[in-house]
Amino acid sequence: DFRSLIPAFYPDYFFEAIWQQIHSGQIWHGEMRIRTHNEDICWTDAFIIPVKDENDTIHHFLAVLNDITHRKEQEAEVISLAEKLMVSE
């Protein structure tokens, strides 16, 4: 259950939408924060892919996560600087 990787700041409907999409055989793609094995929180660019057997039945799911924490931190810094500039004007 991939929800064990996700901190509690996502509402239930977030998971329900993902669950519906992947159970219908579609790939889900989005950005999400996860908890790492050492309990750190990081941002990921995530794909959850339904894997089907020869009868076209979903057998399991494959999750591919790319760490984008550094990029998200830079984006937050740019936004913060832009807000400071707007306030000072």
PDB file of N, CA and C in Angstrom:
ATOM      1  N   ASP A   1       0.847  -1.178   0.000  1.00  0.00           N
ATOM      2  CA  ASP A   1       0.000   0.000   0.000  1.00  0.00           C
ATOM      3  C   ASP A   1       0.894   1.244   0.000  1.00  0.00           C
ATOM      4  N   PHE A   2       0.893   1.972  -1.114  1.00  0.00           N
ATOM      5  CA  PHE A   2       1.796   3.119  -1.244  1.00  0.00           C
ATOM      6  C   PHE A   2       1.454   4.238  -0.274  1.00  0.00           C
ATOM      7  N   ARG A   3       0.241   4.228   0.292  1.00  0.00           N
ATOM      8  CA  ARG A   3      -0.137   5.293   1.232  1.00  0.00           C
ATOM      9  C   ARG A   3       0.756   5.306   2.468  1.00  0.00           C
ATOM     10  N   SER A   4       1.388   4.183   2.785  1.00  0.00           N
ATOM     11  CA  SER A   4       2.288   4.153   3.937  1.00  0.00           C
ATOM     12  C   SER A   4       3.514   5.031   3.710  1.00  0.00           C
ATOM     13  N   LEU A   5       3.828   5.350   2.449  1.00  0.00           N
ATOM     14  CA  LEU A   5       4.959   6.220   2.131  1.00  0.00           C
ATOM     15  C   LEU A   5       4.589   7.698   2.196  1.00  0.00           C
ATOM     16  N   ILE A   6       3.283   7.989   2.202  1.00  0.00           N
ATOM     17  CA  ILE A   6       2.806   9.352   2.057  1.00  0.00           C
ATOM     18  C   ILE A   6       2.449   9.912   3.425  1.00  0.00           C
ATOM     19  N   PRO A   7       2.999  11.046   3.787  1.00  0.00           N
ATOM     20  CA  PRO A   7       2.626  11.668   5.063  1.00  0.00           C
ATOM     21  C   PRO A   7       1.135  12.008   5.098  1.00  0.00           C
ATOM     22  N   ALA A   8       0.633  12.299   6.264  1.00  0.00           N
ATOM     23  CA  ALA A   8      -0.804  12.485   6.477  1.00  0.00           C
ATOM     24  C   ALA A   8      -1.359  13.798   5.922  1.00  0.00           C
ATOM     25  N   PHE A   9      -0.572  14.593   5.208  1.00  0.00           N
ATOM     26  CA  PHE A   9      -1.111  15.863   4.746  1.00  0.00           C
ATOM     27  C   PHE A   9      -1.903  15.778   3.452  1.00  0.00           C
ATOM     28  N   TYR A  10      -2.128  14.597   2.918  1.00  0.00           N
ATOM     29  CA  TYR A  10      -2.982  14.443   1.742  1.00  0.00           C
ATOM     30  C   TYR A  10      -4.355  13.942   2.181  1.00  0.00           C
ATOM     31  N   PRO A  11      -5.408  14.560   1.663  1.00  0.00           N
ATOM     32  CA  PRO A  11      -6.761  14.107   2.041  1.00  0.00           C
ATOM     33  C   PRO A  11      -7.102  12.775   1.373  1.00  0.00           C
ATOM     34  N   ASP A  12      -8.098  12.106   1.913  1.00  0.00           N
ATOM     35  CA  ASP A  12      -8.506  10.798   1.387  1.00  0.00           C
ATOM     36  C   ASP A  12      -8.862  10.853  -0.095  1.00  0.00           C
ATOM     37  N   TYR A  13      -9.503  11.946  -0.537  1.00  0.00           N
ATOM     38  CA  TYR A  13      -9.920  12.015  -1.943  1.00  0.00           C
ATOM     39  C   TYR A  13      -8.725  12.016  -2.899  1.00  0.00           C
ATOM     40  N   PHE A  14      -7.561  12.455  -2.431  1.00  0.00           N
ATOM     41  CA  PHE A  14      -6.345  12.409  -3.243  1.00  0.00           C
ATOM     42  C   PHE A  14      -6.028  10.954  -3.610  1.00  0.00           C
ATOM     43  N   PHE A  15      -6.074  10.077  -2.596  1.00  0.00           N
ATOM     44  CA  PHE A  15      -5.795   8.664  -2.824  1.00  0.00           C
ATOM     45  C   PHE A  15      -6.909   7.997  -3.615  1.00  0.00           C
ATOM     46  N   GLU A  16      -8.139   8.377  -3.343  1.00  0.00           N
ATOM     47  CA  GLU A  16      -9.272   7.783  -4.058  1.00  0.00           C
ATOM     48  C   GLU A  16      -9.174   8.052  -5.558  1.00  0.00           C
ATOM     49  N   ALA A  17      -8.785   9.276  -5.927  1.00  0.00           N
ATOM     50  CA  ALA A  17      -8.639   9.618  -7.350  1.00  0.00           C
ATOM     51  C   ALA A  17      -7.529   8.798  -7.996  1.00  0.00           C
ATOM     52  N   ILE A  18      -6.407   8.653  -7.297  1.00  0.00           N
ATOM     53  CA  ILE A  18      -5.305   7.840  -7.817  1.00  0.00           C
ATOM     54  C   ILE A  18      -5.763   6.390  -7.959  1.00  0.00           C
ATOM     55  N   TRP A  19      -6.400   5.879  -6.918  1.00  0.00           N
ATOM     56  CA  TRP A  19      -6.839   4.484  -6.899  1.00  0.00           C
ATOM     57  C   TRP A  19      -7.788   4.200  -8.057  1.00  0.00           C
ATOM     58  N   GLN A  20      -8.748   5.093  -8.284  1.00  0.00           N
ATOM     59  CA  GLN A  20      -9.696   4.915  -9.386  1.00  0.00           C
ATOM     60  C   GLN A  20      -8.972   4.897 -10.731  1.00  0.00           C
ATOM     61  N   GLN A  21      -8.035   5.821 -10.898  1.00  0.00           N
ATOM     62  CA  GLN A  21      -7.327   5.918 -12.170  1.00  0.00           C
ATOM     63  C   GLN A  21      -6.498   4.673 -12.449  1.00  0.00           C
ATOM     64  N   ILE A  22      -5.728   4.221 -11.484  1.00  0.00           N
ATOM     65  CA  ILE A  22      -4.860   3.071 -11.736  1.00  0.00           C
ATOM     66  C   ILE A  22      -5.651   1.769 -11.822  1.00  0.00           C
ATOM     67  N   HIS A  23      -6.754   1.676 -11.099  1.00  0.00           N
ATOM     68  CA  HIS A  23      -7.580   0.464 -11.190  1.00  0.00           C
ATOM     69  C   HIS A  23      -8.368   0.403 -12.488  1.00  0.00           C
ATOM     70  N   SER A  24      -8.493   1.540 -13.178  1.00  0.00           N
ATOM     71  CA  SER A  24      -9.139   1.513 -14.491  1.00  0.00           C
ATOM     72  C   SER A  24      -8.125   1.191 -15.592  1.00  0.00           C
ATOM     73  N   GLY A  25      -6.856   0.964 -15.188  1.00  0.00           N
ATOM     74  CA  GLY A  25      -5.824   0.589 -16.143  1.00  0.00           C
ATOM     75  C   GLY A  25      -4.995   1.740 -16.665  1.00  0.00           C
ATOM     76  N   GLN A  26      -5.256   2.942 -16.140  1.00  0.00           N
ATOM     77  CA  GLN A  26      -4.511   4.119 -16.591  1.00  0.00           C
ATOM     78  C   GLN A  26      -3.294   4.361 -15.706  1.00  0.00           C
ATOM     79  N   ILE A  27      -2.293   4.985 -16.280  1.00  0.00           N
ATOM     80  CA  ILE A  27      -1.102   5.395 -15.528  1.00  0.00           C
ATOM     81  C   ILE A  27      -1.415   6.706 -14.822  1.00  0.00           C
ATOM     82  N   TRP A  28      -1.036   6.799 -13.536  1.00  0.00           N
ATOM     83  CA  TRP A  28      -1.164   8.058 -12.812  1.00  0.00           C
ATOM     84  C   TRP A  28       0.199   8.726 -12.785  1.00  0.00           C
ATOM     85  N   HIS A  29       0.215  10.045 -13.016  1.00  0.00           N
ATOM     86  CA  HIS A  29       1.457  10.822 -12.959  1.00  0.00           C
ATOM     87  C   HIS A  29       1.176  12.103 -12.195  1.00  0.00           C
ATOM     88  N   GLY A  30       2.055  12.437 -11.272  1.00  0.00           N
ATOM     89  CA  GLY A  30       1.910  13.683 -10.525  1.00  0.00           C
ATOM     90  C   GLY A  30       3.076  13.879  -9.576  1.00  0.00           C
ATOM     91  N   GLU A  31       3.045  15.011  -8.909  1.00  0.00           N
ATOM     92  CA  GLU A  31       4.066  15.304  -7.905  1.00  0.00           C
ATOM     93  C   GLU A  31       3.460  15.063  -6.535  1.00  0.00           C
ATOM     94  N   MET A  32       4.253  14.471  -5.646  1.00  0.00           N
ATOM     95  CA  MET A  32       3.786  14.258  -4.284  1.00  0.00           C
ATOM     96  C   MET A  32       4.959  14.215  -3.327  1.00  0.00           C
ATOM     97  N   ARG A  33       4.654  14.565  -2.098  1.00  0.00           N
ATOM     98  CA  ARG A  33       5.643  14.439  -1.037  1.00  0.00           C
ATOM     99  C   ARG A  33       5.518  13.049  -0.439  1.00  0.00           C
ATOM    100  N   ILE A  34       6.663  12.425  -0.165  1.00  0.00           N
ATOM    101  CA  ILE A  34       6.667  11.103   0.458  1.00  0.00           C
ATOM    102  C   ILE A  34       7.603  11.096   1.651  1.00  0.00           C
ATOM    103  N   ARG A  35       7.456  10.058   2.441  1.00  0.00           N
ATOM    104  CA  ARG A  35       8.350   9.821   3.579  1.00  0.00           C
ATOM    105  C   ARG A  35       9.374   8.781   3.139  1.00  0.00           C
ATOM    106  N   THR A  36      10.640   9.088   3.304  1.00  0.00           N
ATOM    107  CA  THR A  36      11.696   8.152   2.909  1.00  0.00           C
ATOM    108  C   THR A  36      11.887   7.088   3.989  1.00  0.00           C
ATOM    109  N   HIS A  37      12.714   6.110   3.691  1.00  0.00           N
ATOM    110  CA  HIS A  37      12.971   5.027   4.652  1.00  0.00           C
ATOM    111  C   HIS A  37      13.564   5.537   5.964  1.00  0.00           C
ATOM    112  N   ASN A  38      14.247   6.686   5.931  1.00  0.00           N
ATOM    113  CA  ASN A  38      14.812   7.252   7.156  1.00  0.00           C
ATOM    114  C   ASN A  38      13.949   8.369   7.738  1.00  0.00           C
ATOM    115  N   GLU A  39      12.653   8.389   7.316  1.00  0.00           N
ATOM    116  CA  GLU A  39      11.637   9.298   7.863  1.00  0.00           C
ATOM    117  C   GLU A  39      11.764  10.748   7.394  1.00  0.00           C
ATOM    118  N   ASP A  40      12.646  11.045   6.437  1.00  0.00           N
ATOM    119  CA  ASP A  40      12.700  12.383   5.853  1.00  0.00           C
ATOM    120  C   ASP A  40      11.516  12.550   4.909  1.00  0.00           C
ATOM    121  N   ILE A  41      11.158  13.791   4.655  1.00  0.00           N
ATOM    122  CA  ILE A  41      10.109  14.081   3.682  1.00  0.00           C
ATOM    123  C   ILE A  41      10.787  14.622   2.426  1.00  0.00           C
ATOM    124  N   CYS A  42      10.418  14.090   1.266  1.00  0.00           N
ATOM    125  CA  CYS A  42      10.978  14.598   0.019  1.00  0.00           C
ATOM    126  C   CYS A  42       9.878  14.704  -1.031  1.00  0.00           C
ATOM    127  N   TRP A  43      10.126  15.525  -2.027  1.00  0.00           N
ATOM    128  CA  TRP A  43       9.213  15.688  -3.158  1.00  0.00           C
ATOM    129  C   TRP A  43       9.604  14.707  -4.249  1.00  0.00           C
ATOM    130  N   THR A  44       8.595  14.124  -4.907  1.00  0.00           N
ATOM    131  CA  THR A  44       8.867  13.224  -6.013  1.00  0.00           C
ATOM    132  C   THR A  44       7.982  13.551  -7.210  1.00  0.00           C
ATOM    133  N   ASP A  45       8.514  13.284  -8.374  1.00  0.00           N
ATOM    134  CA  ASP A  45       7.734  13.236  -9.607  1.00  0.00           C
ATOM    135  C   ASP A  45       7.417  11.751  -9.753  1.00  0.00           C
ATOM    136  N   ALA A  46       6.134  11.398  -9.637  1.00  0.00           N
ATOM    137  CA  ALA A  46       5.761  10.000  -9.491  1.00  0.00           C
ATOM    138  C   ALA A  46       4.903   9.487 -10.643  1.00  0.00           C
ATOM    139  N   PHE A  47       5.147   8.246 -10.993  1.00  0.00           N
ATOM    140  CA  PHE A  47       4.301   7.490 -11.927  1.00  0.00           C
ATOM    141  C   PHE A  47       3.865   6.232 -11.194  1.00  0.00           C
ATOM    142  N   ILE A  48       2.572   5.920 -11.252  1.00  0.00           N
ATOM    143  CA  ILE A  48       2.080   4.643 -10.752  1.00  0.00           C
ATOM    144  C   ILE A  48       1.453   3.936 -11.946  1.00  0.00           C
ATOM    145  N   ILE A  49       2.010   2.786 -12.268  1.00  0.00           N
ATOM    146  CA  ILE A  49       1.685   2.091 -13.514  1.00  0.00           C
ATOM    147  C   ILE A  49       1.037   0.746 -13.197  1.00  0.00           C
ATOM    148  N   PRO A  50      -0.195   0.527 -13.687  1.00  0.00           N
ATOM    149  CA  PRO A  50      -0.793  -0.802 -13.515  1.00  0.00           C
ATOM    150  C   PRO A  50      -0.105  -1.811 -14.439  1.00  0.00           C
ATOM    151  N   VAL A  51       0.254  -2.951 -13.899  1.00  0.00           N
ATOM    152  CA  VAL A  51       0.910  -4.002 -14.669  1.00  0.00           C
ATOM    153  C   VAL A  51      -0.109  -5.128 -14.864  1.00  0.00           C
ATOM    154  N   LYS A  52      -0.369  -5.457 -16.124  1.00  0.00           N
ATOM    155  CA  LYS A  52      -1.398  -6.441 -16.442  1.00  0.00           C
ATOM    156  C   LYS A  52      -0.778  -7.776 -16.863  1.00  0.00           C
ATOM    157  N   ASP A  53      -1.534  -8.840 -16.633  1.00  0.00           N
ATOM    158  CA  ASP A  53      -1.095 -10.153 -17.084  1.00  0.00           C
ATOM    159  C   ASP A  53      -1.584 -10.409 -18.503  1.00  0.00           C
ATOM    160  N   GLU A  54      -1.385 -11.631 -18.988  1.00  0.00           N
ATOM    161  CA  GLU A  54      -1.744 -11.954 -20.369  1.00  0.00           C
ATOM    162  C   GLU A  54      -3.248 -11.898 -20.629  1.00  0.00           C
ATOM    163  N   ASN A  55      -4.065 -11.907 -19.558  1.00  0.00           N
ATOM    164  CA  ASN A  55      -5.522 -11.801 -19.699  1.00  0.00           C
ATOM    165  C   ASN A  55      -6.016 -10.369 -19.554  1.00  0.00           C
ATOM    166  N   ASP A  56      -5.086  -9.425 -19.537  1.00  0.00           N
ATOM    167  CA  ASP A  56      -5.386  -8.004 -19.387  1.00  0.00           C
ATOM    168  C   ASP A  56      -5.968  -7.670 -18.004  1.00  0.00           C
ATOM    169  N   THR A  57      -5.664  -8.512 -17.021  1.00  0.00           N
ATOM    170  CA  THR A  57      -6.067  -8.276 -15.641  1.00  0.00           C
ATOM    171  C   THR A  57      -4.905  -7.620 -14.911  1.00  0.00           C
ATOM    172  N   ILE A  58      -5.206  -6.602 -14.143  1.00  0.00           N
ATOM    173  CA  ILE A  58      -4.139  -5.923 -13.391  1.00  0.00           C
ATOM    174  C   ILE A  58      -3.603  -6.893 -12.348  1.00  0.00           C
ATOM    175  N   HIS A  59      -2.311  -7.118 -12.422  1.00  0.00           N
ATOM    176  CA  HIS A  59      -1.643  -8.065 -11.537  1.00  0.00           C
ATOM    177  C   HIS A  59      -1.017  -7.352 -10.345  1.00  0.00           C
ATOM    178  N   HIS A  60      -0.382  -6.220 -10.597  1.00  0.00           N
ATOM    179  CA  HIS A  60       0.218  -5.406  -9.544  1.00  0.00           C
ATOM    180  C   HIS A  60       0.476  -4.015 -10.105  1.00  0.00           C
ATOM    181  N   PHE A  61       1.067  -3.155  -9.288  1.00  0.00           N
ATOM    182  CA  PHE A  61       1.359  -1.779  -9.698  1.00  0.00           C
ATOM    183  C   PHE A  61       2.846  -1.508  -9.530  1.00  0.00           C
ATOM    184  N   LEU A  62       3.379  -0.739 -10.445  1.00  0.00           N
ATOM    185  CA  LEU A  62       4.779  -0.335 -10.401  1.00  0.00           C
ATOM    186  C   LEU A  62       4.816   1.167 -10.152  1.00  0.00           C
ATOM    187  N   ALA A  63       5.538   1.583  -9.133  1.00  0.00           N
ATOM    188  CA  ALA A  63       5.701   3.002  -8.843  1.00  0.00           C
ATOM    189  C   ALA A  63       7.122   3.420  -9.202  1.00  0.00           C
ATOM    190  N   VAL A  64       7.234   4.492  -9.981  1.00  0.00           N
ATOM    191  CA  VAL A  64       8.526   5.057 -10.349  1.00  0.00           C
ATOM    192  C   VAL A  64       8.552   6.470  -9.778  1.00  0.00           C
ATOM    193  N   LEU A  65       9.496   6.707  -8.873  1.00  0.00           N
ATOM    194  CA  LEU A  65       9.580   7.991  -8.178  1.00  0.00           C
ATOM    195  C   LEU A  65      10.934   8.641  -8.454  1.00  0.00           C
ATOM    196  N   ASN A  66      10.896   9.884  -8.887  1.00  0.00           N
ATOM    197  CA  ASN A  66      12.114  10.656  -9.115  1.00  0.00           C
ATOM    198  C   ASN A  66      12.153  11.785  -8.100  1.00  0.00           C
ATOM    199  N   ASP A  67      13.242  11.888  -7.352  1.00  0.00           N
ATOM    200  CA  ASP A  67      13.385  12.907  -6.317  1.00  0.00           C
ATOM    201  C   ASP A  67      13.538  14.283  -6.963  1.00  0.00           C
ATOM    202  N   ILE A  68      12.603  15.181  -6.662  1.00  0.00           N
ATOM    203  CA  ILE A  68      12.645  16.553  -7.182  1.00  0.00           C
ATOM    204  C   ILE A  68      12.689  17.564  -6.040  1.00  0.00           C
ATOM    205  N   THR A  69      13.132  17.116  -4.875  1.00  0.00           N
ATOM    206  CA  THR A  69      13.152  17.973  -3.689  1.00  0.00           C
ATOM    207  C   THR A  69      13.948  19.249  -3.932  1.00  0.00           C
ATOM    208  N   HIS A  70      15.118  19.127  -4.528  1.00  0.00           N
ATOM    209  CA  HIS A  70      15.967  20.303  -4.759  1.00  0.00           C
ATOM    210  C   HIS A  70      15.242  21.324  -5.642  1.00  0.00           C
ATOM    211  N   ARG A  71      14.600  20.848  -6.697  1.00  0.00           N
ATOM    212  CA  ARG A  71      13.861  21.747  -7.584  1.00  0.00           C
ATOM    213  C   ARG A  71      12.718  22.441  -6.838  1.00  0.00           C
ATOM    214  N   LYS A  72      11.984  21.711  -6.007  1.00  0.00           N
ATOM    215  CA  LYS A  72      10.866  22.294  -5.265  1.00  0.00           C
ATOM    216  C   LYS A  72      11.374  23.328  -4.260  1.00  0.00           C
ATOM    217  N   GLU A  73      12.515  23.077  -3.644  1.00  0.00           N
ATOM    218  CA  GLU A  73      13.109  24.045  -2.720  1.00  0.00           C
ATOM    219  C   GLU A  73      13.510  25.316  -3.464  1.00  0.00           C
ATOM    220  N   GLN A  74      14.079  25.160  -4.666  1.00  0.00           N
ATOM    221  CA  GLN A  74      14.446  26.333  -5.466  1.00  0.00           C
ATOM    222  C   GLN A  74      13.209  27.115  -5.889  1.00  0.00           C
ATOM    223  N   GLU A  75      12.151  26.432  -6.281  1.00  0.00           N
ATOM    224  CA  GLU A  75      10.904  27.107  -6.648  1.00  0.00           C
ATOM    225  C   GLU A  75      10.351  27.904  -5.474  1.00  0.00           C
ATOM    226  N   ALA A  76      10.370  27.313  -4.285  1.00  0.00           N
ATOM    227  CA  ALA A  76       9.876  28.002  -3.088  1.00  0.00           C
ATOM    228  C   ALA A  76      10.721  29.239  -2.792  1.00  0.00           C
ATOM    229  N   GLU A  77      12.031  29.139  -2.997  1.00  0.00           N
ATOM    230  CA  GLU A  77      12.921  30.282  -2.758  1.00  0.00           C
ATOM    231  C   GLU A  77      12.634  31.410  -3.757  1.00  0.00           C
ATOM    232  N   VAL A  78      12.414  31.072  -5.014  1.00  0.00           N
ATOM    233  CA  VAL A  78      12.088  32.079  -6.029  1.00  0.00           C
ATOM    234  C   VAL A  78      10.782  32.781  -5.671  1.00  0.00           C
ATOM    235  N   ILE A  79       9.784  32.030  -5.256  1.00  0.00           N
ATOM    236  CA  ILE A  79       8.495  32.616  -4.877  1.00  0.00           C
ATOM    237  C   ILE A  79       8.662  33.530  -3.680  1.00  0.00           C
ATOM    238  N   SER A  80       9.433  33.101  -2.697  1.00  0.00           N
ATOM    239  CA  SER A  80       9.672  33.911  -1.501  1.00  0.00           C
ATOM    240  C   SER A  80      10.370  35.223  -1.863  1.00  0.00           C
ATOM    241  N   LEU A  81      11.386  35.142  -2.726  1.00  0.00           N
ATOM    242  CA  LEU A  81      12.093  36.358  -3.151  1.00  0.00           C
ATOM    243  C   LEU A  81      11.181  37.293  -3.935  1.00  0.00           C
ATOM    244  N   ALA A  82      10.356  36.739  -4.790  1.00  0.00           N
ATOM    245  CA  ALA A  82       9.414  37.557  -5.570  1.00  0.00           C
ATOM    246  C   ALA A  82       8.423  38.258  -4.652  1.00  0.00           C
ATOM    247  N   GLU A  83       7.938  37.552  -3.619  1.00  0.00           N
ATOM    248  CA  GLU A  83       7.014  38.169  -2.663  1.00  0.00           C
ATOM    249  C   GLU A  83       7.690  39.287  -1.897  1.00  0.00           C
ATOM    250  N   LYS A  84       8.934  39.093  -1.513  1.00  0.00           N
ATOM    251  CA  LYS A  84       9.674  40.137  -0.799  1.00  0.00           C
ATOM    252  C   LYS A  84       9.872  41.365  -1.675  1.00  0.00           C
ATOM    253  N   LEU A  85      10.152  41.162  -2.963  1.00  0.00           N
ATOM    254  CA  LEU A  85      10.313  42.264  -3.885  1.00  0.00           C
ATOM    255  C   LEU A  85       9.009  43.034  -4.042  1.00  0.00           C
ATOM    256  N   MET A  86       7.917  42.338  -4.121  1.00  0.00           N
ATOM    257  CA  MET A  86       6.611  42.981  -4.286  1.00  0.00           C
ATOM    258  C   MET A  86       6.250  43.812  -3.065  1.00  0.00           C
ATOM    259  N   VAL A  87       6.581  43.322  -1.876  1.00  0.00           N
ATOM    260  CA  VAL A  87       6.298  44.040  -0.638  1.00  0.00           C
ATOM    261  C   VAL A  87       7.142  45.293  -0.543  1.00  0.00           C
ATOM    262  N   SER A  88       8.395  45.221  -0.983  1.00  0.00           N
ATOM    263  CA  SER A  88       9.310  46.361  -0.857  1.00  0.00           C
ATOM    264  C   SER A  88       9.018  47.478  -1.864  1.00  0.00           C
ATOM    265  N   GLU A  89       8.230  47.179  -2.896  1.00  0.00           N
ATOM    266  CA  GLU A  89       7.955  48.196  -3.916  1.00  0.00           C
ATOM    267  C   GLU A  89       6.844  49.113  -3.515  1.00  0.00           C
TER     268      GLU A  89
END
